[in-house]
N, C-alpha and C. Protein backbone atom coordinates (compact mmCIF):
# COMPACT_ATOMS: atom_id res chain seq x y z
N MET A 1 34.28 13.99 6.88
CA MET A 1 33.24 12.95 7.30
C MET A 1 33.11 11.36 6.71
N SER A 2 33.50 10.78 7.49
CA SER A 2 33.21 9.18 7.33
C SER A 2 31.65 8.78 6.85
N ILE A 3 31.55 7.51 5.94
CA ILE A 3 30.40 7.62 5.64
C ILE A 3 29.31 7.08 6.85
N ILE A 4 29.88 6.50 7.44
CA ILE A 4 29.07 6.19 8.67
C ILE A 4 28.03 7.73 9.17
N ASN A 5 28.91 8.76 9.14
CA ASN A 5 28.47 9.95 9.70
C ASN A 5 27.48 10.49 8.83
N ILE A 6 27.97 9.85 7.58
CA ILE A 6 27.04 10.48 6.51
C ILE A 6 25.55 9.66 6.89
N ILE A 7 25.20 8.58 6.74
CA ILE A 7 24.29 7.44 6.86
C ILE A 7 23.46 7.94 8.19
N ASP A 8 24.24 7.85 9.06
CA ASP A 8 23.43 8.40 10.35
C ASP A 8 23.28 9.66 10.47
N GLU A 9 23.42 10.65 9.67
CA GLU A 9 23.13 12.02 9.38
C GLU A 9 21.64 11.76 8.58
N PHE A 10 21.61 10.98 7.85
CA PHE A 10 20.63 10.72 6.60
C PHE A 10 19.48 10.09 7.56
N GLU A 11 20.05 9.48 8.04
CA GLU A 11 18.57 8.45 8.86
C GLU A 11 17.97 8.98 9.82
N SER A 12 19.09 9.87 10.66
CA SER A 12 18.00 10.91 11.94
C SER A 12 17.56 12.04 11.06
N LYS A 13 17.65 12.55 10.04
CA LYS A 13 16.40 13.13 9.40
C LYS A 13 15.62 12.54 8.54
N TYR A 14 15.72 11.45 8.04
CA TYR A 14 14.81 11.04 7.33
C TYR A 14 14.34 9.49 7.55
N ILE A 15 14.41 8.73 7.99
CA ILE A 15 14.27 7.28 8.65
C ILE A 15 13.88 7.33 9.68
N LYS A 16 12.92 7.90 10.21
CA LYS A 16 12.46 8.21 11.57
C LYS A 16 10.95 8.58 11.72
N ASP A 17 10.44 8.31 12.71
CA ASP A 17 8.93 8.37 13.21
C ASP A 17 8.13 7.86 11.73
N GLY A 18 8.25 7.15 11.35
CA GLY A 18 7.37 6.01 10.38
C GLY A 18 7.63 6.98 9.04
N CYS A 19 9.10 7.54 8.77
CA CYS A 19 9.24 7.89 7.40
C CYS A 19 8.11 9.15 6.85
N THR A 20 7.41 10.20 7.58
CA THR A 20 6.53 10.68 7.32
C THR A 20 7.14 12.27 6.76
N ILE A 21 8.21 12.19 5.87
CA ILE A 21 8.82 13.20 5.21
C ILE A 21 8.31 13.15 3.76
N GLU A 22 8.17 14.74 3.60
CA GLU A 22 7.57 15.04 2.68
C GLU A 22 8.50 14.69 1.14
N SER A 23 7.88 14.07 0.28
CA SER A 23 8.68 13.87 -1.23
C SER A 23 9.88 14.65 -1.82
N GLU A 24 9.36 15.78 -1.45
CA GLU A 24 10.20 16.95 -2.04
C GLU A 24 11.44 16.93 -1.23
N LYS A 25 11.37 16.73 -0.02
CA LYS A 25 12.64 17.10 0.88
C LYS A 25 13.34 15.66 1.07
N VAL A 26 12.75 14.55 0.41
CA VAL A 26 13.60 13.41 0.60
C VAL A 26 14.14 13.38 -0.80
N GLU A 27 13.75 13.82 -1.90
CA GLU A 27 14.41 14.01 -2.85
C GLU A 27 15.83 14.84 -2.62
N GLU A 28 15.65 15.75 -2.18
CA GLU A 28 16.58 17.26 -1.83
C GLU A 28 17.98 16.32 -1.03
N LEU A 29 17.32 15.37 0.31
CA LEU A 29 18.29 14.59 0.95
C LEU A 29 18.70 13.91 -0.04
N ILE A 30 18.36 12.81 -0.51
CA ILE A 30 19.13 12.02 -1.24
C ILE A 30 19.88 12.39 -2.10
N GLU A 31 19.90 13.63 -2.82
CA GLU A 31 21.03 14.03 -3.49
C GLU A 31 22.04 14.61 -2.95
N GLU A 32 21.74 15.17 -1.53
CA GLU A 32 22.61 15.98 -0.53
C GLU A 32 23.55 14.73 -0.10
N MET A 33 22.91 13.58 -0.25
CA MET A 33 23.91 12.21 0.40
C MET A 33 24.11 11.89 -0.95
N LYS A 34 24.23 12.04 -1.73
CA LYS A 34 24.75 11.58 -3.11
C LYS A 34 26.25 12.74 -3.30
N ARG A 35 25.74 13.49 -3.21
CA ARG A 35 26.94 14.77 -3.19
C ARG A 35 28.20 14.22 -2.46
N LYS A 36 27.77 13.92 -0.61
CA LYS A 36 28.66 14.19 0.14
C LYS A 36 29.44 12.55 -0.52
N LEU A 37 28.54 11.57 -0.78
CA LEU A 37 29.24 10.17 -0.97
C LEU A 37 30.26 10.23 -2.20
N TYR A 38 30.46 11.03 -2.86
CA TYR A 38 31.05 11.39 -4.03
C TYR A 38 32.07 12.20 -3.73
N SER A 39 32.19 13.13 -3.00
CA SER A 39 33.43 13.66 -2.69
C SER A 39 34.36 13.21 -2.10
N GLU A 40 35.46 13.32 -2.90
CA GLU A 40 36.87 12.44 -1.77
C GLU A 40 37.36 13.76 -0.93
N LYS A 41 36.72 14.32 -0.66
CA LYS A 41 37.40 16.19 -0.09
C LYS A 41 36.50 15.85 1.74
N ASN A 42 35.23 15.00 1.32
CA ASN A 42 34.33 15.02 2.32
C ASN A 42 34.15 13.43 2.87
N ILE A 43 34.80 12.49 2.26
CA ILE A 43 34.72 10.82 2.63
C ILE A 43 35.73 10.37 3.00
N THR A 44 35.56 9.93 4.07
CA THR A 44 36.21 8.28 4.42
C THR A 44 35.52 7.20 4.67
N LEU A 45 35.96 6.37 3.66
CA LEU A 45 35.38 5.12 3.43
C LEU A 45 35.57 4.20 4.79
N PHE A 46 36.43 4.13 5.52
CA PHE A 46 36.42 3.10 6.74
C PHE A 46 36.16 1.43 6.14
N GLY A 47 36.78 1.50 4.82
CA GLY A 47 36.72 0.02 4.21
C GLY A 47 35.54 -0.33 3.67
N LEU A 48 34.77 0.13 3.37
CA LEU A 48 32.84 -0.16 2.19
C LEU A 48 33.88 0.00 0.96
N THR A 49 33.23 -0.81 0.29
CA THR A 49 33.40 -0.88 -0.91
C THR A 49 32.32 -0.21 -1.54
N LEU A 50 33.01 0.38 -2.72
CA LEU A 50 31.60 0.95 -3.67
C LEU A 50 30.46 0.32 -3.85
N GLU A 51 30.69 -0.95 -3.75
CA GLU A 51 29.03 -1.67 -4.32
C GLU A 51 28.31 -1.46 -2.52
N GLN A 52 28.88 -1.47 -1.64
CA GLN A 52 28.13 -1.61 -0.60
C GLN A 52 27.80 0.38 -0.41
N ILE A 53 28.42 1.15 -0.71
CA ILE A 53 27.87 2.61 -0.88
C ILE A 53 26.73 2.48 -1.73
N ALA A 54 26.79 2.06 -3.17
CA ALA A 54 26.02 1.89 -4.10
C ALA A 54 24.48 1.29 -3.65
N GLU A 55 24.94 0.22 -2.81
CA GLU A 55 23.50 -0.59 -2.42
C GLU A 55 22.50 0.04 -1.12
N ARG A 56 23.65 1.31 -0.52
CA ARG A 56 22.98 2.02 0.58
C ARG A 56 22.24 3.34 -0.14
N ILE A 57 22.77 3.74 -1.49
CA ILE A 57 21.95 4.90 -2.41
C ILE A 57 21.04 4.28 -2.88
N ARG A 58 20.65 2.60 -3.47
CA ARG A 58 19.98 2.40 -4.22
C ARG A 58 18.77 2.07 -2.72
N PHE A 59 18.90 1.68 -2.12
CA PHE A 59 17.44 1.39 -0.70
C PHE A 59 17.31 2.88 -0.33
N TYR A 60 18.03 4.35 -0.44
CA TYR A 60 17.33 5.27 -0.21
C TYR A 60 16.34 5.69 -1.19
N GLU A 61 16.98 5.53 -2.83
CA GLU A 61 15.99 5.73 -3.52
C GLU A 61 15.21 5.21 -3.56
N GLU A 62 15.17 3.54 -3.40
CA GLU A 62 13.91 2.91 -3.34
C GLU A 62 13.03 3.46 -2.39
N HIS A 63 13.11 4.02 -1.21
CA HIS A 63 12.64 4.01 -0.13
C HIS A 63 11.69 5.52 -0.48
N LYS A 64 12.74 6.54 -1.27
CA LYS A 64 11.61 7.86 -1.85
C LYS A 64 10.71 7.39 -2.98
N PHE A 65 10.97 6.50 -3.59
CA PHE A 65 10.03 6.10 -4.77
C PHE A 65 8.86 5.26 -4.00
N LYS A 66 9.21 4.66 -3.00
CA LYS A 66 7.87 4.07 -2.10
C LYS A 66 7.15 5.12 -1.55
N GLU A 67 7.55 6.33 -0.78
CA GLU A 67 6.92 7.16 -0.30
C GLU A 67 6.26 8.39 -1.51
N ASP A 68 6.91 8.57 -2.32
CA ASP A 68 6.22 8.82 -3.18
C ASP A 68 4.96 8.68 -3.98
N LEU A 69 5.12 7.31 -4.06
CA LEU A 69 4.05 6.69 -4.72
C LEU A 69 2.59 6.09 -3.85
N VAL A 70 3.01 6.02 -2.50
CA VAL A 70 2.44 5.57 -1.67
C VAL A 70 1.40 7.14 -1.30
N LEU A 71 2.14 8.21 -0.92
CA LEU A 71 1.65 9.70 -0.84
C LEU A 71 0.87 9.81 -2.14
N ARG A 72 1.26 9.94 -3.26
CA ARG A 72 0.07 10.41 -4.40
C ARG A 72 -1.03 9.37 -4.21
N SER A 73 -0.98 8.01 -3.92
CA SER A 73 -2.38 7.27 -3.99
C SER A 73 -2.66 7.20 -2.52
N SER A 74 -2.38 7.67 -1.79
CA SER A 74 -3.43 8.05 -0.14
C SER A 74 -3.62 9.23 -0.57
N ASN A 75 -3.25 10.37 -1.45
CA ASN A 75 -3.96 11.64 -1.52
C ASN A 75 -5.05 11.44 -2.78
N PHE A 76 -4.62 10.52 -3.58
CA PHE A 76 -5.77 10.20 -4.46
C PHE A 76 -6.79 9.81 -4.18
N ALA A 77 -7.10 8.74 -2.64
CA ALA A 77 -7.71 8.10 -2.47
C ALA A 77 -8.78 8.62 -1.50
N GLN A 78 -7.81 9.55 -0.91
CA GLN A 78 -8.71 10.40 -0.15
C GLN A 78 -9.69 11.38 -0.75
N ASP A 79 -9.20 11.92 -1.70
CA ASP A 79 -10.17 12.83 -2.43
C ASP A 79 -11.05 11.99 -3.34
N LYS A 80 -10.95 11.15 -4.01
CA LYS A 80 -11.83 10.32 -4.59
C LYS A 80 -13.09 9.90 -3.56
N HIS A 81 -12.52 9.06 -2.45
CA HIS A 81 -13.70 8.97 -1.51
C HIS A 81 -13.90 10.19 -0.07
N LYS A 82 -13.90 11.01 -0.39
CA LYS A 82 -13.78 12.06 0.62
C LYS A 82 -15.29 12.16 0.50
N ASN A 83 -16.38 12.00 0.09
CA ASN A 83 -17.79 12.34 1.24
C ASN A 83 -18.42 10.67 1.27
N GLN A 84 -17.17 9.99 1.65
CA GLN A 84 -18.07 7.90 1.89
C GLN A 84 -17.92 8.13 3.30
N LEU A 85 -18.57 7.72 4.28
CA LEU A 85 -18.71 6.90 5.34
C LEU A 85 -18.91 5.45 5.66
N ASP A 86 -18.17 5.05 6.19
CA ASP A 86 -18.08 3.54 6.81
C ASP A 86 -19.73 2.74 7.79
N ASP A 87 -20.07 2.43 8.01
CA ASP A 87 -21.31 1.80 8.33
C ASP A 87 -21.37 2.63 9.93
N GLU A 88 -20.01 2.83 10.46
CA GLU A 88 -20.23 3.63 11.89
C GLU A 88 -20.02 5.06 11.91
N GLY A 89 -20.36 5.43 10.47
CA GLY A 89 -19.76 7.06 10.67
C GLY A 89 -18.90 7.50 10.27
N LYS A 90 -17.56 6.66 10.19
CA LYS A 90 -16.49 7.16 9.96
C LYS A 90 -15.91 7.56 8.68
N SER A 91 -14.62 8.27 8.78
CA SER A 91 -14.45 8.69 7.33
C SER A 91 -13.90 6.98 6.57
N TYR A 92 -14.12 7.03 5.53
CA TYR A 92 -14.30 5.53 4.81
C TYR A 92 -12.70 5.55 4.71
N TYR A 93 -11.97 6.91 4.50
CA TYR A 93 -10.75 6.11 3.99
C TYR A 93 -9.95 6.41 5.22
N ASP A 94 -10.00 6.81 6.12
CA ASP A 94 -9.36 6.45 7.74
C ASP A 94 -10.12 4.74 8.34
N ALA A 95 -11.37 4.39 7.87
CA ALA A 95 -11.87 3.34 8.56
C ALA A 95 -11.35 2.22 7.99
N HIS A 96 -11.09 2.24 6.80
CA HIS A 96 -10.91 1.16 6.04
C HIS A 96 -10.08 1.00 4.86
N LEU A 97 -9.29 1.93 4.17
CA LEU A 97 -8.54 2.21 2.98
C LEU A 97 -7.26 2.32 3.74
N TYR A 98 -7.37 3.01 4.73
CA TYR A 98 -5.77 3.37 5.47
C TYR A 98 -5.36 2.24 6.34
N HIS A 99 -6.55 1.17 6.76
CA HIS A 99 -6.35 0.58 7.51
C HIS A 99 -5.89 -0.91 6.73
N VAL A 100 -6.40 -1.13 5.62
CA VAL A 100 -5.89 -2.37 4.57
C VAL A 100 -4.33 -1.43 4.07
N PHE A 101 -3.99 -0.24 4.00
CA PHE A 101 -2.95 -0.28 4.00
C PHE A 101 -1.42 -0.91 5.07
N LYS A 102 -2.36 -0.67 6.16
CA LYS A 102 -1.31 -0.90 7.52
C LYS A 102 -1.09 -2.22 7.24
N ILE A 103 -2.05 -2.96 6.98
CA ILE A 103 -1.93 -4.83 7.15
C ILE A 103 -1.23 -4.89 6.05
N LEU A 104 -1.12 -4.60 4.83
CA LEU A 104 -0.16 -4.71 3.77
C LEU A 104 1.44 -4.50 4.12
N ASN A 105 1.45 -3.02 5.11
CA ASN A 105 2.53 -2.73 5.21
C ASN A 105 3.31 -3.74 6.03
N GLU A 106 2.66 -4.49 6.81
CA GLU A 106 3.00 -5.50 7.67
C GLU A 106 3.96 -6.32 6.89
N LEU A 107 3.41 -6.72 5.96
CA LEU A 107 3.87 -8.03 4.74
C LEU A 107 5.09 -7.39 3.93
N ASP A 108 5.62 -6.17 4.18
CA ASP A 108 7.18 -5.91 3.47
C ASP A 108 6.67 -6.67 1.95
N VAL A 109 5.45 -5.68 1.34
CA VAL A 109 5.17 -5.82 -0.14
C VAL A 109 6.08 -4.65 -0.54
N ARG A 110 5.93 -4.68 -1.96
CA ARG A 110 6.54 -3.49 -2.69
C ARG A 110 5.53 -2.45 -2.94
N PRO A 111 6.29 -1.26 -3.43
CA PRO A 111 5.10 0.17 -3.06
C PRO A 111 3.89 -0.21 -3.92
N GLU A 112 4.17 -0.57 -5.11
CA GLU A 112 2.95 -0.77 -6.13
C GLU A 112 1.66 -1.60 -5.46
N VAL A 113 1.91 -2.40 -4.61
CA VAL A 113 1.04 -3.05 -3.98
C VAL A 113 0.15 -2.21 -3.09
N LEU A 114 1.06 -1.44 -1.90
CA LEU A 114 0.38 -0.67 -0.86
C LEU A 114 -0.18 0.47 -1.56
N ALA A 115 0.04 1.01 -3.03
CA ALA A 115 -0.37 1.74 -3.55
C ALA A 115 -1.87 1.41 -3.95
N ALA A 116 -1.62 0.20 -4.43
CA ALA A 116 -3.17 -0.65 -4.75
C ALA A 116 -4.16 -0.71 -3.68
N GLY A 117 -3.45 -1.34 -2.68
CA GLY A 117 -4.44 -1.57 -1.14
C GLY A 117 -4.91 -0.26 -1.08
N LEU A 118 -4.16 0.84 -1.08
CA LEU A 118 -5.22 2.38 -1.07
C LEU A 118 -6.45 2.72 -2.10
N LEU A 119 -6.27 2.33 -3.04
CA LEU A 119 -6.77 2.46 -3.96
C LEU A 119 -7.77 1.69 -4.74
N HIS A 120 -7.94 0.56 -3.67
CA HIS A 120 -8.55 -1.02 -4.25
C HIS A 120 -10.27 -0.69 -4.45
N ASP A 121 -10.93 0.16 -4.09
CA ASP A 121 -12.10 0.48 -3.93
C ASP A 121 -12.52 1.79 -4.86
N THR A 122 -11.09 2.28 -5.29
CA THR A 122 -11.61 3.22 -6.60
C THR A 122 -12.79 2.68 -7.64
N LEU A 123 -11.91 2.01 -8.46
CA LEU A 123 -13.12 1.32 -9.19
C LEU A 123 -14.83 0.97 -9.21
N GLU A 124 -14.63 0.48 -7.66
CA GLU A 124 -16.01 0.12 -7.60
C GLU A 124 -16.96 1.10 -7.02
N ASP A 125 -16.22 2.22 -5.85
CA ASP A 125 -16.95 3.11 -5.37
C ASP A 125 -16.69 4.83 -5.77
N THR A 126 -16.42 4.73 -6.80
CA THR A 126 -15.93 6.20 -7.20
C THR A 126 -16.20 6.26 -8.71
N ASP A 127 -15.91 7.42 -9.19
CA ASP A 127 -16.27 7.30 -10.64
C ASP A 127 -14.78 7.50 -11.34
N THR A 128 -14.16 6.84 -10.48
CA THR A 128 -12.38 6.48 -11.11
C THR A 128 -12.74 5.64 -12.15
N THR A 129 -11.76 6.06 -12.99
CA THR A 129 -11.92 4.80 -14.44
C THR A 129 -10.60 4.15 -14.44
N LEU A 130 -10.18 2.90 -15.10
CA LEU A 130 -9.40 2.19 -14.89
C LEU A 130 -8.35 3.10 -15.83
N GLU A 131 -8.98 3.71 -16.88
CA GLU A 131 -7.68 4.50 -17.71
C GLU A 131 -6.96 5.60 -16.72
N GLU A 132 -8.06 6.28 -16.03
CA GLU A 132 -7.48 7.24 -15.05
C GLU A 132 -6.51 6.52 -14.25
N LEU A 133 -6.17 5.52 -13.79
CA LEU A 133 -5.44 4.76 -12.72
C LEU A 133 -4.04 4.77 -13.53
N LYS A 134 -4.54 4.26 -14.67
CA LYS A 134 -3.21 3.84 -15.30
C LYS A 134 -2.29 5.04 -15.69
N LYS A 135 -3.29 6.13 -16.16
CA LYS A 135 -2.63 7.43 -16.12
C LYS A 135 -1.80 7.92 -15.10
N GLU A 136 -2.50 7.72 -13.96
CA GLU A 136 -1.64 8.49 -12.84
C GLU A 136 -0.31 7.61 -12.17
N PHE A 137 -0.94 6.04 -12.32
CA PHE A 137 -0.28 5.40 -11.36
C PHE A 137 0.67 4.26 -12.33
N GLY A 138 0.37 4.12 -13.51
CA GLY A 138 0.91 3.04 -14.13
C GLY A 138 0.25 1.76 -14.44
N ASP A 139 0.66 0.62 -15.10
CA ASP A 139 0.24 -0.32 -15.38
C ASP A 139 0.09 -1.93 -14.20
N VAL A 140 0.95 -1.58 -13.43
CA VAL A 140 1.00 -2.13 -12.38
C VAL A 140 0.07 -2.56 -11.22
N VAL A 141 -0.10 -0.85 -10.80
CA VAL A 141 -0.86 -0.49 -10.05
C VAL A 141 -2.47 -0.61 -10.31
N SER A 142 -2.63 -0.27 -11.70
CA SER A 142 -3.94 0.06 -12.45
C SER A 142 -4.32 -1.58 -12.27
N ASP A 143 -3.49 -2.41 -12.71
CA ASP A 143 -4.08 -3.83 -13.19
C ASP A 143 -4.28 -4.45 -11.79
N LEU A 144 -3.50 -4.09 -10.42
CA LEU A 144 -4.06 -4.55 -9.35
C LEU A 144 -5.18 -4.26 -8.75
N VAL A 145 -5.48 -3.31 -9.07
CA VAL A 145 -6.65 -2.60 -8.64
C VAL A 145 -8.10 -3.11 -9.73
N ASN A 146 -7.72 -3.55 -10.72
CA ASN A 146 -8.43 -4.03 -11.89
C ASN A 146 -8.90 -5.68 -10.66
N GLU A 147 -7.71 -6.52 -10.50
CA GLU A 147 -7.96 -7.63 -10.28
C GLU A 147 -8.73 -7.91 -8.92
N VAL A 148 -8.94 -6.68 -8.40
CA VAL A 148 -9.38 -6.97 -6.96
C VAL A 148 -10.88 -6.57 -6.78
N THR A 149 -11.35 -5.94 -8.55
CA THR A 149 -12.72 -5.18 -8.28
C THR A 149 -13.28 -6.18 -8.89
N HIS A 150 -14.80 -5.98 -8.16
CA HIS A 150 -15.57 -6.90 -8.59
C HIS A 150 -16.36 -6.90 -10.13
N GLU A 151 -17.46 -8.08 -10.39
CA GLU A 151 -18.30 -7.94 -11.66
C GLU A 151 -19.50 -8.76 -11.13
N GLY A 152 -20.57 -8.13 -12.34
CA GLY A 152 -21.68 -8.71 -12.27
C GLY A 152 -22.46 -8.07 -11.09
N LYS A 153 -23.58 -9.22 -11.27
CA LYS A 153 -24.59 -8.45 -9.73
C LYS A 153 -24.36 -9.59 -8.62
N LYS A 154 -24.70 -9.20 -7.13
CA LYS A 154 -24.06 -9.47 -5.62
C LYS A 154 -25.16 -10.80 -5.78
N ASP A 155 -24.81 -11.83 -5.55
CA ASP A 155 -26.04 -13.14 -5.56
C ASP A 155 -25.99 -13.29 -3.86
N GLU A 156 -26.53 -14.45 -3.38
CA GLU A 156 -26.43 -14.94 -1.76
C GLU A 156 -25.18 -15.61 -1.21
N TYR A 157 -24.33 -15.32 -2.39
CA TYR A 157 -22.97 -15.79 -2.20
C TYR A 157 -21.62 -14.22 -2.01
N GLY A 158 -22.21 -13.50 -2.63
CA GLY A 158 -21.69 -12.49 -3.02
C GLY A 158 -21.03 -11.79 -4.21
N PHE A 159 -20.25 -10.95 -4.41
CA PHE A 159 -20.11 -10.58 -5.57
C PHE A 159 -18.99 -11.75 -6.47
N TYR A 160 -18.24 -11.55 -7.64
CA TYR A 160 -17.28 -12.34 -8.50
C TYR A 160 -16.22 -11.47 -8.80
N PHE A 161 -15.36 -12.18 -8.82
CA PHE A 161 -13.84 -11.53 -9.05
C PHE A 161 -13.02 -12.47 -10.51
N PRO A 162 -13.59 -11.74 -11.36
CA PRO A 162 -12.97 -13.07 -12.57
C PRO A 162 -11.29 -12.63 -12.68
N ARG A 163 -11.27 -11.71 -12.72
CA ARG A 163 -9.65 -11.52 -12.70
C ARG A 163 -8.87 -11.57 -11.42
N LEU A 164 -9.34 -11.95 -10.50
CA LEU A 164 -8.07 -12.31 -9.24
C LEU A 164 -7.70 -13.53 -9.38
N GLU A 165 -6.17 -13.14 -9.48
CA GLU A 165 -5.52 -14.10 -9.86
C GLU A 165 -3.93 -14.07 -9.07
N SER A 166 -3.45 -13.20 -9.47
CA SER A 166 -2.22 -13.02 -8.86
C SER A 166 -1.86 -12.89 -7.25
N HIS A 167 -0.59 -13.49 -6.90
CA HIS A 167 -0.18 -13.53 -5.52
C HIS A 167 -0.39 -11.75 -4.91
N GLU A 168 -0.14 -11.12 -5.50
CA GLU A 168 -0.27 -9.51 -4.95
C GLU A 168 -1.65 -8.91 -4.64
N ALA A 169 -2.40 -9.60 -5.49
CA ALA A 169 -3.91 -9.10 -5.73
C ALA A 169 -4.43 -9.75 -4.36
N ILE A 170 -4.30 -11.01 -4.51
CA ILE A 170 -4.83 -12.03 -3.63
C ILE A 170 -4.23 -11.77 -2.28
N LEU A 171 -3.16 -10.98 -2.04
CA LEU A 171 -2.84 -10.01 -0.84
C LEU A 171 -3.89 -9.46 -0.40
N ILE A 172 -4.25 -8.43 -1.32
CA ILE A 172 -4.86 -7.08 -1.21
C ILE A 172 -6.31 -7.37 -0.55
N LYS A 173 -6.57 -8.39 -1.34
CA LYS A 173 -7.81 -8.71 -1.39
C LYS A 173 -7.99 -9.60 0.34
N PHE A 174 -6.78 -10.22 0.44
CA PHE A 174 -6.99 -10.79 2.10
C PHE A 174 -7.25 -9.70 3.06
N ALA A 175 -6.10 -8.76 2.74
CA ALA A 175 -6.16 -7.67 3.67
C ALA A 175 -7.37 -6.83 3.86
N ASP A 176 -8.26 -6.23 2.81
CA ASP A 176 -9.14 -6.05 2.75
C ASP A 176 -10.21 -7.00 3.41
N ARG A 177 -10.70 -8.36 3.30
CA ARG A 177 -11.11 -9.13 3.93
C ARG A 177 -11.26 -8.73 5.46
N LEU A 178 -9.77 -9.03 6.19
CA LEU A 178 -9.41 -9.22 7.32
C LEU A 178 -10.23 -7.48 7.66
N SER A 179 -9.42 -6.42 7.52
CA SER A 179 -10.65 -5.27 7.39
C SER A 179 -11.46 -5.22 7.87
N ASN A 180 -12.73 -5.99 6.98
CA ASN A 180 -14.07 -5.76 6.84
C ASN A 180 -14.52 -6.51 7.80
N LEU A 181 -13.87 -7.75 8.08
CA LEU A 181 -14.22 -8.57 9.13
C LEU A 181 -14.05 -7.93 10.68
N SER A 182 -13.35 -7.03 10.92
CA SER A 182 -12.96 -6.38 12.06
C SER A 182 -13.90 -5.07 12.12
N ARG A 183 -14.56 -4.96 11.03
CA ARG A 183 -15.66 -3.64 11.28
C ARG A 183 -17.15 -4.08 11.07
N MET A 184 -17.55 -5.22 11.63
CA MET A 184 -18.56 -5.72 11.91
C MET A 184 -19.79 -5.62 12.62
N ASN A 185 -19.34 -4.26 13.35
CA ASN A 185 -20.48 -3.96 14.85
C ASN A 185 -21.72 -3.94 14.51
N LYS A 186 -21.75 -2.77 12.82
CA LYS A 186 -23.00 -2.07 13.04
C LYS A 186 -23.62 -2.93 11.87
N TRP A 187 -23.16 -4.18 11.44
CA TRP A 187 -24.02 -5.08 10.19
C TRP A 187 -24.94 -5.52 10.83
N ASN A 188 -26.09 -6.19 10.41
CA ASN A 188 -27.02 -6.70 10.71
C ASN A 188 -26.83 -8.41 10.65
N ASP A 189 -27.75 -9.40 11.08
CA ASP A 189 -27.31 -10.54 11.20
C ASP A 189 -26.88 -11.26 10.03
N GLU A 190 -27.91 -10.94 9.08
CA GLU A 190 -28.01 -11.46 8.01
C GLU A 190 -26.54 -11.39 7.13
N ARG A 191 -26.38 -10.00 7.16
CA ARG A 191 -24.65 -9.32 6.51
C ARG A 191 -23.95 -10.03 6.96
N LYS A 192 -23.72 -10.31 8.37
CA LYS A 192 -22.48 -10.86 8.96
C LYS A 192 -22.77 -12.49 8.95
N VAL A 193 -23.70 -13.18 9.12
CA VAL A 193 -23.70 -14.30 8.27
C VAL A 193 -23.17 -14.85 6.82
N GLN A 194 -23.98 -13.69 6.03
CA GLN A 194 -23.29 -14.07 4.34
C GLN A 194 -21.93 -13.46 4.37
N TYR A 195 -21.40 -12.45 5.21
CA TYR A 195 -19.86 -12.03 4.88
C TYR A 195 -19.03 -13.14 5.75
N LEU A 196 -19.26 -13.89 6.57
CA LEU A 196 -18.67 -15.06 7.46
C LEU A 196 -18.76 -15.90 6.46
N LYS A 197 -19.48 -16.64 5.95
CA LYS A 197 -19.85 -17.50 4.91
C LYS A 197 -19.27 -17.50 3.80
N LYS A 198 -18.72 -16.68 3.17
CA LYS A 198 -18.15 -16.28 1.86
C LYS A 198 -16.68 -15.97 2.43
N SER A 199 -16.24 -15.68 3.96
CA SER A 199 -15.27 -15.58 4.07
C SER A 199 -14.17 -16.93 4.47
N LYS A 200 -14.79 -17.92 4.09
CA LYS A 200 -14.38 -19.68 4.84
C LYS A 200 -13.88 -19.92 3.27
N PHE A 201 -12.89 -20.66 3.30
CA PHE A 201 -12.61 -21.17 2.26
C PHE A 201 -11.78 -22.66 2.39
N TRP A 202 -11.89 -22.96 3.61
CA TRP A 202 -11.66 -24.34 4.02
C TRP A 202 -12.60 -25.35 4.19
N LYS A 203 -12.45 -26.77 4.91
CA LYS A 203 -13.26 -27.85 4.58
C LYS A 203 -14.14 -27.85 6.04
N ASP A 204 -15.64 -27.83 6.41
CA ASP A 204 -15.63 -27.93 7.71
C ASP A 204 -15.72 -29.35 8.10
N GLY A 205 -15.32 -30.14 7.52
CA GLY A 205 -15.48 -31.82 7.71
C GLY A 205 -16.66 -32.71 7.82
N ARG A 206 -17.66 -31.82 7.68
CA ARG A 206 -19.30 -32.28 7.39
C ARG A 206 -19.36 -33.10 6.08
N ASP A 207 -18.43 -33.02 5.42
CA ASP A 207 -18.38 -34.26 4.27
C ASP A 207 -17.99 -35.81 4.30
N LEU A 208 -17.50 -35.35 5.83
CA LEU A 208 -16.73 -37.21 6.41
C LEU A 208 -17.61 -37.49 7.14
N ILE A 209 -18.78 -37.27 7.24
CA ILE A 209 -19.55 -37.36 8.28
C ILE A 209 -20.68 -38.47 7.75
């Protein structure tokens, strides 16, 4: 069996239809691929170097890590927000959190950012604690969620985000803002005006007149 056959076989089982395979099966398939790759009896290299083979293995292991982290974050978020509805009466997870995830997924960000996108409202809108997030998902994910969590009381401009500084956290906040801007149908005019006002970060040129 050639390296190309092995990779094609693996991709046909795993990398297809949005990568929806369960994390346990992914681990099993990775181990199966490793066994085939490292077995001299079953493999013909066709000119591929060991570095190229190792690169393929790393790719699949990273993909497995992404799938596992995102799956755990998704399950956690769905459980924490399970009784919450958005302004249109839709599941908050489906209408907003998963929407934020899809926006971030288009940006080729690392798995921790995708996880934080799914979890970004857990500190604000559920009984989840920062310590709980750290225990479940580690410092990177919990710190990103903490960055995009507001502080203080809401005023005419909105809430404040004193910890929002990193590039990845700002990406999450922009994805959050974009999702909200696309779901304003049931908002009253005052709420729309306020949200649009605080969403503008550019000058309108009036100061030049």
